[in-house]
């Protein structure tokens, strides 16, 4: 199993919003830099999301997420697009705890080309999500 996201991979990321549109300080790239004190911080509003475009076919097996307590995307859905089904569809629904701890989500999603993590509800009254780490592990499909 290898890390499928990060600066050394072809994966790109889009997010629904960035706090104060300050992409340098709060942009999506901060979830993948391995630094514990940088993060993606969304603007306010419910329905925040992280969209990963793998630019290759992968088998996703695990996600590890670290939120800032009080700004957790609690109720979430993982949507995927595959080679066979290019439209996004729900792979699983999950709940993340309002905690600073690293949280793991085990998956078994084959032939994935795109993954969207959609937060339907946040522990923050204003709907903000603050995510320090978003690690996606799996295998590249040959």
N, C-alpha and C. Protein backbone atom coordinates (compact mmCIF):
# COMPACT_ATOMS: atom_id res chain seq x y z
N UNK A 1 0.85 -1.17 0.00
CA UNK A 1 0.00 0.00 0.00
C UNK A 1 0.90 1.24 0.00
N UNK A 2 0.59 2.20 -0.86
CA UNK A 2 1.39 3.41 -0.97
C UNK A 2 0.51 4.65 -0.79
N UNK A 3 1.16 5.75 -0.52
CA UNK A 3 0.47 7.03 -0.41
C UNK A 3 0.12 7.50 -1.82
N UNK A 4 -1.17 7.78 -2.05
CA UNK A 4 -1.66 8.13 -3.38
C UNK A 4 -1.79 9.64 -3.60
N UNK A 5 -1.57 10.43 -2.55
CA UNK A 5 -1.68 11.89 -2.66
C UNK A 5 -0.43 12.54 -2.09
N UNK A 6 -0.14 13.74 -2.53
CA UNK A 6 1.01 14.46 -2.02
C UNK A 6 1.84 15.05 -3.13
N UNK A 7 2.84 15.84 -2.78
CA UNK A 7 3.65 16.54 -3.78
C UNK A 7 4.38 15.61 -4.75
N UNK A 8 4.69 14.39 -4.34
CA UNK A 8 5.43 13.46 -5.19
C UNK A 8 4.52 12.62 -6.08
N UNK A 9 3.22 12.91 -6.10
CA UNK A 9 2.27 12.13 -6.91
C UNK A 9 1.61 13.04 -7.94
N UNK A 10 1.01 12.46 -8.98
CA UNK A 10 0.29 13.28 -9.97
C UNK A 10 -1.10 13.73 -9.51
N UNK A 11 -1.53 13.31 -8.33
CA UNK A 11 -2.86 13.66 -7.83
C UNK A 11 -2.99 15.17 -7.61
N UNK A 12 -4.13 15.71 -8.03
CA UNK A 12 -4.44 17.12 -7.78
C UNK A 12 -5.67 17.20 -6.89
N UNK A 13 -5.84 18.32 -6.24
CA UNK A 13 -6.93 18.50 -5.28
C UNK A 13 -7.63 19.83 -5.52
N UNK A 14 -8.95 19.78 -5.40
CA UNK A 14 -9.77 20.99 -5.40
C UNK A 14 -10.62 20.96 -4.13
N UNK A 15 -10.87 22.12 -3.58
CA UNK A 15 -11.73 22.22 -2.40
C UNK A 15 -12.85 23.20 -2.67
N UNK A 16 -13.92 23.09 -1.89
CA UNK A 16 -15.10 23.92 -2.11
C UNK A 16 -14.86 25.39 -1.78
N UNK A 17 -14.02 25.67 -0.80
CA UNK A 17 -13.75 27.06 -0.41
C UNK A 17 -12.49 27.13 0.42
N UNK A 18 -11.95 28.33 0.56
CA UNK A 18 -10.77 28.58 1.38
C UNK A 18 -11.04 29.84 2.20
N UNK A 19 -10.71 29.79 3.49
CA UNK A 19 -10.95 30.92 4.38
C UNK A 19 -10.31 32.20 3.83
N UNK A 20 -11.09 33.24 3.71
CA UNK A 20 -10.64 34.55 3.22
C UNK A 20 -9.95 34.48 1.86
N UNK A 21 -10.17 33.40 1.13
CA UNK A 21 -9.55 33.16 -0.19
C UNK A 21 -8.03 33.21 -0.12
N UNK A 22 -7.47 32.94 1.07
CA UNK A 22 -6.03 32.96 1.30
C UNK A 22 -5.46 31.56 1.04
N UNK A 23 -5.22 31.26 -0.22
CA UNK A 23 -4.77 29.92 -0.62
C UNK A 23 -3.36 29.60 -0.11
N UNK A 24 -2.54 30.60 0.10
CA UNK A 24 -1.19 30.35 0.59
C UNK A 24 -1.23 29.82 2.02
N UNK A 25 -1.98 30.47 2.87
CA UNK A 25 -2.02 30.09 4.28
C UNK A 25 -3.00 28.96 4.56
N UNK A 26 -4.14 28.89 3.83
CA UNK A 26 -5.20 27.95 4.17
C UNK A 26 -5.61 27.04 3.01
N UNK A 27 -4.82 26.98 1.95
CA UNK A 27 -5.20 26.22 0.76
C UNK A 27 -5.11 24.72 0.91
N UNK A 28 -5.65 24.02 -0.07
CA UNK A 28 -5.73 22.56 -0.07
C UNK A 28 -4.37 21.90 0.01
N UNK A 29 -3.33 22.50 -0.57
CA UNK A 29 -2.00 21.89 -0.58
C UNK A 29 -1.48 21.62 0.82
N UNK A 30 -1.97 22.36 1.81
CA UNK A 30 -1.50 22.20 3.18
C UNK A 30 -1.90 20.87 3.81
N UNK A 31 -2.93 20.21 3.27
CA UNK A 31 -3.34 18.90 3.80
C UNK A 31 -2.34 17.81 3.44
N UNK A 32 -1.49 18.07 2.45
CA UNK A 32 -0.61 17.03 1.90
C UNK A 32 0.87 17.31 2.12
N UNK A 33 1.21 18.38 2.84
CA UNK A 33 2.61 18.75 2.97
C UNK A 33 3.34 18.05 4.12
N UNK A 34 2.61 17.30 4.95
CA UNK A 34 3.24 16.56 6.04
C UNK A 34 3.59 17.41 7.25
N UNK A 35 3.24 18.69 7.22
CA UNK A 35 3.54 19.60 8.33
C UNK A 35 2.33 19.66 9.25
N UNK A 36 2.57 19.46 10.55
CA UNK A 36 1.46 19.38 11.50
C UNK A 36 0.75 20.70 11.78
N UNK A 37 1.37 21.84 11.47
CA UNK A 37 0.71 23.10 11.81
C UNK A 37 0.26 23.89 10.58
N UNK A 38 0.15 23.24 9.43
CA UNK A 38 -0.50 23.86 8.27
C UNK A 38 -1.77 23.08 7.98
N UNK A 39 -2.75 23.75 7.38
CA UNK A 39 -4.04 23.08 7.18
C UNK A 39 -4.83 23.70 6.04
N UNK A 40 -5.85 22.97 5.59
CA UNK A 40 -6.90 23.55 4.76
C UNK A 40 -7.96 24.05 5.72
N UNK A 41 -8.34 25.30 5.58
CA UNK A 41 -9.39 25.89 6.40
C UNK A 41 -10.44 26.41 5.43
N UNK A 42 -11.62 25.83 5.48
CA UNK A 42 -12.69 26.26 4.58
C UNK A 42 -13.28 27.58 5.04
N UNK A 43 -13.96 28.24 4.13
CA UNK A 43 -14.78 29.38 4.50
C UNK A 43 -16.03 28.84 5.19
N UNK A 44 -16.88 29.71 5.70
CA UNK A 44 -18.10 29.23 6.34
C UNK A 44 -19.10 28.77 5.29
N UNK A 45 -20.00 27.92 5.73
CA UNK A 45 -21.03 27.39 4.84
C UNK A 45 -21.04 25.88 4.87
N UNK A 46 -22.21 25.32 4.90
CA UNK A 46 -22.33 23.86 4.96
C UNK A 46 -22.11 23.26 3.58
N UNK A 47 -21.76 21.98 3.55
CA UNK A 47 -21.53 21.29 2.29
C UNK A 47 -20.11 21.44 1.77
N UNK A 48 -19.13 21.56 2.67
CA UNK A 48 -17.74 21.67 2.24
C UNK A 48 -17.28 20.34 1.64
N UNK A 49 -16.31 20.40 0.73
CA UNK A 49 -15.84 19.17 0.11
C UNK A 49 -14.39 19.26 -0.35
N UNK A 50 -13.77 18.08 -0.44
CA UNK A 50 -12.42 17.91 -0.95
C UNK A 50 -12.53 16.95 -2.12
N UNK A 51 -12.03 17.35 -3.27
CA UNK A 51 -12.10 16.51 -4.47
C UNK A 51 -10.68 16.17 -4.92
N UNK A 52 -10.39 14.87 -5.01
CA UNK A 52 -9.08 14.39 -5.44
C UNK A 52 -9.19 13.82 -6.85
N UNK A 53 -8.37 14.32 -7.76
CA UNK A 53 -8.28 13.79 -9.12
C UNK A 53 -6.95 13.05 -9.21
N UNK A 54 -7.02 11.74 -9.36
CA UNK A 54 -5.80 10.92 -9.30
C UNK A 54 -4.98 10.97 -10.58
N UNK A 55 -5.59 11.25 -11.72
CA UNK A 55 -4.91 11.27 -13.03
C UNK A 55 -4.27 9.93 -13.36
N UNK A 56 -4.81 8.88 -12.77
CA UNK A 56 -4.44 7.50 -13.03
C UNK A 56 -5.49 6.64 -12.35
N UNK A 57 -5.46 5.35 -12.57
CA UNK A 57 -6.43 4.45 -11.95
C UNK A 57 -5.81 3.87 -10.68
N UNK A 58 -6.54 3.96 -9.57
CA UNK A 58 -6.02 3.50 -8.28
C UNK A 58 -7.05 2.64 -7.56
N UNK A 59 -6.56 1.88 -6.60
CA UNK A 59 -7.41 1.10 -5.69
C UNK A 59 -7.25 1.76 -4.32
N UNK A 60 -8.28 2.43 -3.85
CA UNK A 60 -8.22 3.16 -2.58
C UNK A 60 -8.57 2.21 -1.44
N UNK A 61 -7.68 2.14 -0.44
CA UNK A 61 -7.88 1.21 0.68
C UNK A 61 -8.05 1.89 2.03
N UNK A 62 -7.48 3.09 2.18
CA UNK A 62 -7.57 3.74 3.49
C UNK A 62 -7.43 5.25 3.34
N UNK A 63 -8.16 5.96 4.20
CA UNK A 63 -7.99 7.41 4.34
C UNK A 63 -7.68 7.71 5.79
N UNK A 64 -6.74 8.61 6.01
CA UNK A 64 -6.43 9.09 7.35
C UNK A 64 -6.62 10.60 7.36
N UNK A 65 -7.43 11.07 8.29
CA UNK A 65 -7.77 12.49 8.36
C UNK A 65 -7.50 13.02 9.76
N UNK A 66 -6.94 14.22 9.83
CA UNK A 66 -6.75 14.89 11.12
C UNK A 66 -7.37 16.27 11.04
N UNK A 67 -8.42 16.47 11.83
CA UNK A 67 -9.15 17.73 11.89
C UNK A 67 -8.70 18.55 13.09
N UNK A 68 -9.11 19.80 13.13
CA UNK A 68 -9.03 20.62 14.33
C UNK A 68 -10.34 20.41 15.08
N UNK A 69 -10.26 19.98 16.33
CA UNK A 69 -11.47 19.82 17.12
C UNK A 69 -12.29 21.11 17.12
N UNK A 70 -13.60 20.96 16.97
CA UNK A 70 -14.48 22.12 16.89
C UNK A 70 -14.76 22.55 15.45
N UNK A 71 -13.97 22.02 14.51
CA UNK A 71 -14.12 22.35 13.09
C UNK A 71 -14.07 21.07 12.25
N UNK A 72 -14.77 20.05 12.72
CA UNK A 72 -14.73 18.72 12.11
C UNK A 72 -15.91 18.53 11.16
N UNK A 73 -15.62 18.00 10.00
CA UNK A 73 -16.68 17.59 9.08
C UNK A 73 -17.24 16.27 9.59
N UNK A 74 -18.26 16.34 10.43
CA UNK A 74 -18.71 15.15 11.16
C UNK A 74 -19.41 14.12 10.27
N UNK A 75 -20.47 14.50 9.61
CA UNK A 75 -21.19 13.56 8.75
C UNK A 75 -20.68 13.75 7.33
N UNK A 76 -20.18 12.66 6.75
CA UNK A 76 -19.52 12.77 5.46
C UNK A 76 -19.92 11.62 4.55
N UNK A 77 -19.70 11.86 3.28
CA UNK A 77 -19.87 10.82 2.27
C UNK A 77 -18.61 10.78 1.42
N UNK A 78 -18.19 9.58 1.08
CA UNK A 78 -17.10 9.40 0.12
C UNK A 78 -17.75 9.02 -1.20
N UNK A 79 -17.53 9.86 -2.20
CA UNK A 79 -18.05 9.59 -3.53
C UNK A 79 -16.86 9.28 -4.44
N UNK A 80 -17.04 8.34 -5.35
CA UNK A 80 -15.96 7.98 -6.26
C UNK A 80 -16.46 7.96 -7.70
N UNK A 81 -15.52 8.14 -8.61
CA UNK A 81 -15.75 7.89 -10.03
C UNK A 81 -14.74 6.82 -10.43
N UNK A 82 -15.17 5.90 -11.26
CA UNK A 82 -14.30 4.82 -11.71
C UNK A 82 -14.22 4.84 -13.23
N UNK A 83 -13.35 3.98 -13.76
CA UNK A 83 -13.26 3.87 -15.21
C UNK A 83 -14.61 3.43 -15.79
N UNK A 84 -15.26 2.48 -15.14
CA UNK A 84 -16.52 1.94 -15.64
C UNK A 84 -17.70 2.90 -15.41
N UNK A 85 -17.66 3.64 -14.30
CA UNK A 85 -18.74 4.57 -13.95
C UNK A 85 -18.13 5.94 -13.70
N UNK A 86 -17.98 6.77 -14.75
CA UNK A 86 -17.31 8.06 -14.57
C UNK A 86 -18.09 9.10 -13.78
N UNK A 87 -19.40 8.87 -13.56
CA UNK A 87 -20.17 9.80 -12.73
C UNK A 87 -19.91 9.48 -11.26
N UNK A 88 -19.79 10.50 -10.45
CA UNK A 88 -19.57 10.29 -9.02
C UNK A 88 -20.76 9.56 -8.40
N UNK A 89 -20.46 8.58 -7.55
CA UNK A 89 -21.50 7.85 -6.83
C UNK A 89 -20.98 7.55 -5.42
N UNK A 90 -21.89 7.36 -4.49
CA UNK A 90 -21.53 7.16 -3.08
C UNK A 90 -20.88 5.80 -2.88
N UNK A 91 -19.66 5.81 -2.33
CA UNK A 91 -18.97 4.57 -1.97
C UNK A 91 -19.28 4.19 -0.53
N UNK A 92 -19.34 5.20 0.34
CA UNK A 92 -19.67 4.95 1.75
C UNK A 92 -20.07 6.26 2.42
N UNK A 93 -20.80 6.12 3.52
CA UNK A 93 -21.12 7.24 4.39
C UNK A 93 -20.39 7.01 5.70
N UNK A 94 -19.95 8.07 6.33
CA UNK A 94 -19.16 7.91 7.55
C UNK A 94 -19.39 9.08 8.49
N UNK A 95 -18.96 8.90 9.72
CA UNK A 95 -19.05 9.94 10.74
C UNK A 95 -17.67 10.10 11.36
N UNK A 96 -17.18 11.32 11.42
CA UNK A 96 -15.91 11.61 12.07
C UNK A 96 -16.18 12.25 13.42
N UNK A 97 -15.39 11.88 14.42
CA UNK A 97 -15.55 12.40 15.77
C UNK A 97 -14.99 13.81 15.87
N UNK A 98 -15.59 14.61 16.73
CA UNK A 98 -15.12 15.98 16.98
C UNK A 98 -13.87 15.88 17.86
N UNK A 99 -12.72 15.71 17.20
CA UNK A 99 -11.48 15.40 17.90
C UNK A 99 -10.29 15.88 17.07
N UNK A 100 -9.16 16.09 17.77
CA UNK A 100 -7.90 16.42 17.10
C UNK A 100 -7.13 15.17 16.68
N UNK A 101 -7.61 14.00 17.06
CA UNK A 101 -6.89 12.75 16.80
C UNK A 101 -6.96 12.36 15.32
N UNK A 102 -5.94 11.63 14.87
CA UNK A 102 -5.94 11.08 13.52
C UNK A 102 -7.06 10.04 13.43
N UNK A 103 -7.92 10.16 12.43
CA UNK A 103 -9.05 9.25 12.27
C UNK A 103 -8.88 8.48 10.96
N UNK A 104 -9.15 7.18 11.02
CA UNK A 104 -8.92 6.30 9.88
C UNK A 104 -10.23 5.77 9.34
N UNK A 105 -10.32 5.74 8.03
CA UNK A 105 -11.48 5.20 7.33
C UNK A 105 -10.98 4.12 6.38
N UNK A 106 -11.38 2.87 6.64
CA UNK A 106 -10.98 1.76 5.77
C UNK A 106 -11.93 1.69 4.58
N UNK A 107 -11.38 1.53 3.39
CA UNK A 107 -12.16 1.49 2.16
C UNK A 107 -11.69 0.32 1.30
N UNK A 108 -12.49 -0.04 0.32
CA UNK A 108 -12.09 -1.03 -0.69
C UNK A 108 -12.72 -0.60 -2.01
N UNK A 109 -12.12 0.41 -2.63
CA UNK A 109 -12.67 1.01 -3.84
C UNK A 109 -11.68 0.80 -4.98
N UNK A 110 -12.07 -0.02 -5.95
CA UNK A 110 -11.19 -0.38 -7.06
C UNK A 110 -11.46 0.49 -8.28
N UNK A 111 -10.43 0.63 -9.12
CA UNK A 111 -10.51 1.33 -10.41
C UNK A 111 -10.96 2.78 -10.28
N UNK A 112 -10.53 3.45 -9.22
CA UNK A 112 -10.95 4.82 -8.93
C UNK A 112 -10.11 5.83 -9.72
N UNK A 113 -10.78 6.81 -10.30
CA UNK A 113 -10.10 7.91 -10.99
C UNK A 113 -10.27 9.24 -10.25
N UNK A 114 -11.33 9.32 -9.44
CA UNK A 114 -11.64 10.55 -8.70
C UNK A 114 -12.31 10.17 -7.39
N UNK A 115 -12.02 10.93 -6.33
CA UNK A 115 -12.64 10.71 -5.03
C UNK A 115 -13.06 12.07 -4.47
N UNK A 116 -14.28 12.13 -3.98
CA UNK A 116 -14.77 13.36 -3.35
C UNK A 116 -15.19 13.04 -1.92
N UNK A 117 -14.68 13.80 -0.99
CA UNK A 117 -15.07 13.71 0.41
C UNK A 117 -16.00 14.89 0.67
N UNK A 118 -17.26 14.60 0.89
CA UNK A 118 -18.28 15.65 1.05
C UNK A 118 -18.77 15.67 2.48
N UNK A 119 -18.62 16.81 3.13
CA UNK A 119 -19.03 16.97 4.52
C UNK A 119 -20.43 17.58 4.56
N UNK A 120 -21.40 16.80 5.01
CA UNK A 120 -22.77 17.28 5.06
C UNK A 120 -23.04 18.14 6.29
N UNK A 121 -22.21 17.95 7.32
CA UNK A 121 -22.41 18.70 8.58
C UNK A 121 -21.05 18.90 9.23
N UNK A 122 -20.89 20.03 9.87
CA UNK A 122 -19.65 20.35 10.57
C UNK A 122 -19.95 20.56 12.05
N UNK A 123 -18.95 20.31 12.90
CA UNK A 123 -19.13 20.58 14.33
C UNK A 123 -19.10 22.09 14.61
N UNK A 124 -18.66 22.87 13.64
CA UNK A 124 -18.65 24.33 13.76
C UNK A 124 -20.02 24.88 13.37
N UNK A 125 -20.54 25.78 14.16
CA UNK A 125 -21.87 26.36 13.91
C UNK A 125 -21.96 26.98 12.51
N UNK A 126 -20.87 27.54 12.03
CA UNK A 126 -20.87 28.22 10.73
C UNK A 126 -20.53 27.29 9.57
N UNK A 127 -20.26 26.02 9.86
CA UNK A 127 -20.01 25.05 8.79
C UNK A 127 -18.57 24.97 8.32
N UNK A 128 -17.66 25.61 9.04
CA UNK A 128 -16.25 25.57 8.62
C UNK A 128 -15.63 24.21 8.94
N UNK A 129 -14.68 23.81 8.10
CA UNK A 129 -13.92 22.57 8.30
C UNK A 129 -12.45 22.94 8.27
N UNK A 130 -11.68 22.39 9.21
CA UNK A 130 -10.26 22.64 9.29
C UNK A 130 -9.56 21.29 9.32
N UNK A 131 -8.80 21.00 8.27
CA UNK A 131 -8.22 19.67 8.06
C UNK A 131 -6.70 19.80 7.91
N UNK A 132 -5.96 19.21 8.87
CA UNK A 132 -4.50 19.25 8.85
C UNK A 132 -3.91 18.22 7.91
N UNK A 133 -4.45 17.02 7.93
CA UNK A 133 -3.91 15.94 7.09
C UNK A 133 -5.03 15.21 6.38
N UNK A 134 -4.80 14.89 5.13
CA UNK A 134 -5.69 14.03 4.34
C UNK A 134 -4.79 13.08 3.58
N UNK A 135 -4.62 11.89 4.12
CA UNK A 135 -3.75 10.89 3.50
C UNK A 135 -4.62 9.79 2.91
N UNK A 136 -4.36 9.45 1.68
CA UNK A 136 -5.11 8.39 1.00
C UNK A 136 -4.11 7.33 0.58
N UNK A 137 -4.37 6.09 1.02
CA UNK A 137 -3.47 4.98 0.74
C UNK A 137 -4.16 3.95 -0.14
N UNK A 138 -3.36 3.26 -0.91
CA UNK A 138 -3.88 2.20 -1.76
C UNK A 138 -2.81 1.77 -2.74
N UNK A 139 -3.26 1.30 -3.89
CA UNK A 139 -2.35 0.80 -4.91
C UNK A 139 -2.71 1.41 -6.26
N UNK A 140 -1.68 1.62 -7.07
CA UNK A 140 -1.93 2.03 -8.45
C UNK A 140 -2.27 0.80 -9.25
N UNK A 141 -3.29 0.91 -10.09
CA UNK A 141 -3.71 -0.20 -10.93
C UNK A 141 -2.87 -0.20 -12.19
N UNK A 142 -2.34 -1.35 -12.51
CA UNK A 142 -1.48 -1.45 -13.70
C UNK A 142 -2.29 -1.72 -14.94
